[in-house]
Amino acid sequence: MMDKNTAGWQTLPFWLKCWFFLNFLSVRTRRAVARRIYIISHVFGFAFCALGFVYEASLAGGLILLANAYLFALLIWQGDKYGIWYDVEEATT
């Protein structure tokens, strides 16, 4: 488990701390929340892209949701790499 006072958190670069804070609007980041956003963005992104065959305007929304999903995949990878998650037991699975 990591908090703001541990050496692991204090040694992280400032940009990485800001990256996690801005994405979660919280200092206590959890991997389960990032994973949930990743899955929901993928599901709705693919659904909106499929709907884009009928309604062209929904294609833009689908692409934005897919881009969001891939950005959260990057966020999850960085969180695993730097061990920033508060729920350590989920990060190991």
C-alpha atoms as a PDB file:
ATOM      1  CA  MET A   1       0.000   0.000   0.000  1.00  0.00           C
ATOM      2  CA  MET A   2       1.321   3.422  -0.925  1.00  0.00           C
ATOM      3  CA  ASP A   3       0.516   6.764   0.627  1.00  0.00           C
ATOM      4  CA  LYS A   4       1.891  10.270   0.211  1.00  0.00           C
ATOM      5  CA  ASN A   5       4.439   9.762   2.979  1.00  0.00           C
ATOM      6  CA  THR A   6       6.109   6.610   1.677  1.00  0.00           C
ATOM      7  CA  ALA A   7       9.452   6.813  -0.037  1.00  0.00           C
ATOM      8  CA  GLY A   8       7.977   5.223  -3.174  1.00  0.00           C
ATOM      9  CA  TRP A   9       5.486   8.054  -3.655  1.00  0.00           C
ATOM     10  CA  GLN A  10       8.005  10.762  -2.836  1.00  0.00           C
ATOM     11  CA  THR A  11      10.526   9.484  -5.368  1.00  0.00           C
ATOM     12  CA  LEU A  12       8.039   9.566  -8.263  1.00  0.00           C
ATOM     13  CA  PRO A  13       8.482  12.403 -10.758  1.00  0.00           C
ATOM     14  CA  PHE A  14       6.189  15.405 -10.310  1.00  0.00           C
ATOM     15  CA  TRP A  15       4.578  14.911 -13.739  1.00  0.00           C
ATOM     16  CA  LEU A  16       3.588  11.354 -12.829  1.00  0.00           C
ATOM     17  CA  LYS A  17       1.950  12.478  -9.576  1.00  0.00           C
ATOM     18  CA  CYS A  18      -0.001  15.117 -11.526  1.00  0.00           C
ATOM     19  CA  TRP A  19      -0.940  12.553 -14.212  1.00  0.00           C
ATOM     20  CA  PHE A  20      -2.587  10.265 -11.661  1.00  0.00           C
ATOM     21  CA  PHE A  21      -4.197  13.109  -9.729  1.00  0.00           C
ATOM     22  CA  LEU A  22      -5.766  14.633 -12.838  1.00  0.00           C
ATOM     23  CA  ASN A  23      -7.097  11.315 -14.106  1.00  0.00           C
ATOM     24  CA  PHE A  24      -8.670  10.303 -10.824  1.00  0.00           C
ATOM     25  CA  LEU A  25      -9.194  13.707  -9.149  1.00  0.00           C
ATOM     26  CA  SER A  26      -7.927  11.958  -6.056  1.00  0.00           C
ATOM     27  CA  VAL A  27      -4.575  11.248  -4.490  1.00  0.00           C
ATOM     28  CA  ARG A  28      -5.636   7.730  -3.458  1.00  0.00           C
ATOM     29  CA  THR A  29      -5.654   5.995  -6.823  1.00  0.00           C
ATOM     30  CA  ARG A  30      -7.109   2.493  -7.178  1.00  0.00           C
ATOM     31  CA  ARG A  31      -6.450   0.060  -9.986  1.00  0.00           C
ATOM     32  CA  ALA A  32     -10.005  -1.295  -9.915  1.00  0.00           C
ATOM     33  CA  VAL A  33     -11.401   2.132 -10.787  1.00  0.00           C
ATOM     34  CA  ALA A  34      -9.006   2.553 -13.710  1.00  0.00           C
ATOM     35  CA  ARG A  35      -9.823  -0.948 -14.964  1.00  0.00           C
ATOM     36  CA  ARG A  36     -13.565  -0.252 -14.754  1.00  0.00           C
ATOM     37  CA  ILE A  37     -13.216   2.977 -16.767  1.00  0.00           C
ATOM     38  CA  TYR A  38     -11.039   1.129 -19.301  1.00  0.00           C
ATOM     39  CA  ILE A  39     -13.661  -1.598 -19.837  1.00  0.00           C
ATOM     40  CA  ILE A  40     -16.639   0.774 -19.960  1.00  0.00           C
ATOM     41  CA  SER A  41     -14.876   3.050 -22.447  1.00  0.00           C
ATOM     42  CA  HIS A  42     -14.041   0.096 -24.685  1.00  0.00           C
ATOM     43  CA  VAL A  43     -17.570  -1.330 -24.633  1.00  0.00           C
ATOM     44  CA  PHE A  44     -19.275   1.974 -25.366  1.00  0.00           C
ATOM     45  CA  GLY A  45     -16.562   2.992 -27.834  1.00  0.00           C
ATOM     46  CA  PHE A  46     -17.093  -0.124 -29.937  1.00  0.00           C
ATOM     47  CA  ALA A  47     -20.867   0.244 -29.635  1.00  0.00           C
ATOM     48  CA  PHE A  48     -20.767   3.848 -30.819  1.00  0.00           C
ATOM     49  CA  CYS A  49     -18.419   2.943 -33.685  1.00  0.00           C
ATOM     50  CA  ALA A  50     -20.843   0.222 -34.776  1.00  0.00           C
ATOM     51  CA  LEU A  51     -23.685   2.721 -34.486  1.00  0.00           C
ATOM     52  CA  GLY A  52     -21.590   5.008 -36.694  1.00  0.00           C
ATOM     53  CA  PHE A  53     -22.601   2.903 -39.698  1.00  0.00           C
ATOM     54  CA  VAL A  54     -26.134   4.206 -39.228  1.00  0.00           C
ATOM     55  CA  TYR A  55     -25.552   7.613 -37.606  1.00  0.00           C
ATOM     56  CA  GLU A  56     -22.316   9.184 -38.726  1.00  0.00           C
ATOM     57  CA  ALA A  57     -22.123  11.568 -35.759  1.00  0.00           C
ATOM     58  CA  SER A  58     -21.840   8.713 -33.263  1.00  0.00           C
ATOM     59  CA  LEU A  59     -18.613   7.558 -34.907  1.00  0.00           C
ATOM     60  CA  ALA A  60     -16.755  10.577 -33.477  1.00  0.00           C
ATOM     61  CA  GLY A  61     -17.996   9.754 -29.986  1.00  0.00           C
ATOM     62  CA  GLY A  62     -16.935   6.147 -30.402  1.00  0.00           C
ATOM     63  CA  LEU A  63     -13.442   7.129 -31.469  1.00  0.00           C
ATOM     64  CA  ILE A  64     -13.132   9.494 -28.508  1.00  0.00           C
ATOM     65  CA  LEU A  65     -14.226   6.735 -26.125  1.00  0.00           C
ATOM     66  CA  LEU A  66     -11.736   4.308 -27.662  1.00  0.00           C
ATOM     67  CA  ALA A  67      -8.960   6.887 -27.326  1.00  0.00           C
ATOM     68  CA  ASN A  68      -9.968   7.334 -23.686  1.00  0.00           C
ATOM     69  CA  ALA A  69      -9.815   3.580 -23.154  1.00  0.00           C
ATOM     70  CA  TYR A  70      -6.314   3.355 -24.579  1.00  0.00           C
ATOM     71  CA  LEU A  71      -5.159   6.288 -22.465  1.00  0.00           C
ATOM     72  CA  PHE A  72      -6.460   4.477 -19.388  1.00  0.00           C
ATOM     73  CA  ALA A  73      -4.599   1.360 -20.543  1.00  0.00           C
ATOM     74  CA  LEU A  74      -1.452   3.501 -20.512  1.00  0.00           C
ATOM     75  CA  LEU A  75      -2.393   4.793 -17.069  1.00  0.00           C
ATOM     76  CA  ILE A  76      -2.861   1.248 -15.741  1.00  0.00           C
ATOM     77  CA  TRP A  77       0.491   0.200 -17.199  1.00  0.00           C
ATOM     78  CA  GLN A  78       2.234   3.163 -15.584  1.00  0.00           C
ATOM     79  CA  GLY A  79       0.495   2.505 -12.285  1.00  0.00           C
ATOM     80  CA  ASP A  80       1.711  -1.089 -12.344  1.00  0.00           C
ATOM     81  CA  LYS A  81       5.212  -0.029 -13.345  1.00  0.00           C
ATOM     82  CA  TYR A  82       5.587   2.565 -10.590  1.00  0.00           C
ATOM     83  CA  GLY A  83       3.468   0.737  -7.998  1.00  0.00           C
ATOM     84  CA  ILE A  84       1.213   3.693  -7.341  1.00  0.00           C
ATOM     85  CA  TRP A  85      -1.998   1.792  -6.589  1.00  0.00           C
ATOM     86  CA  TYR A  86      -3.484   1.741  -3.107  1.00  0.00           C
ATOM     87  CA  ASP A  87      -4.985  -1.716  -3.602  1.00  0.00           C
ATOM     88  CA  VAL A  88      -1.749  -3.688  -3.879  1.00  0.00           C
ATOM     89  CA  GLU A  89      -3.398  -7.108  -3.760  1.00  0.00           C
ATOM     90  CA  GLU A  90      -5.310  -6.356  -6.999  1.00  0.00           C
ATOM     91  CA  ALA A  91      -2.214  -5.053  -8.800  1.00  0.00           C
ATOM     92  CA  THR A  92      -0.453  -8.390  -8.425  1.00  0.00           C
ATOM     93  CA  THR A  93      -3.218 -10.360 -10.154  1.00  0.00           C
END
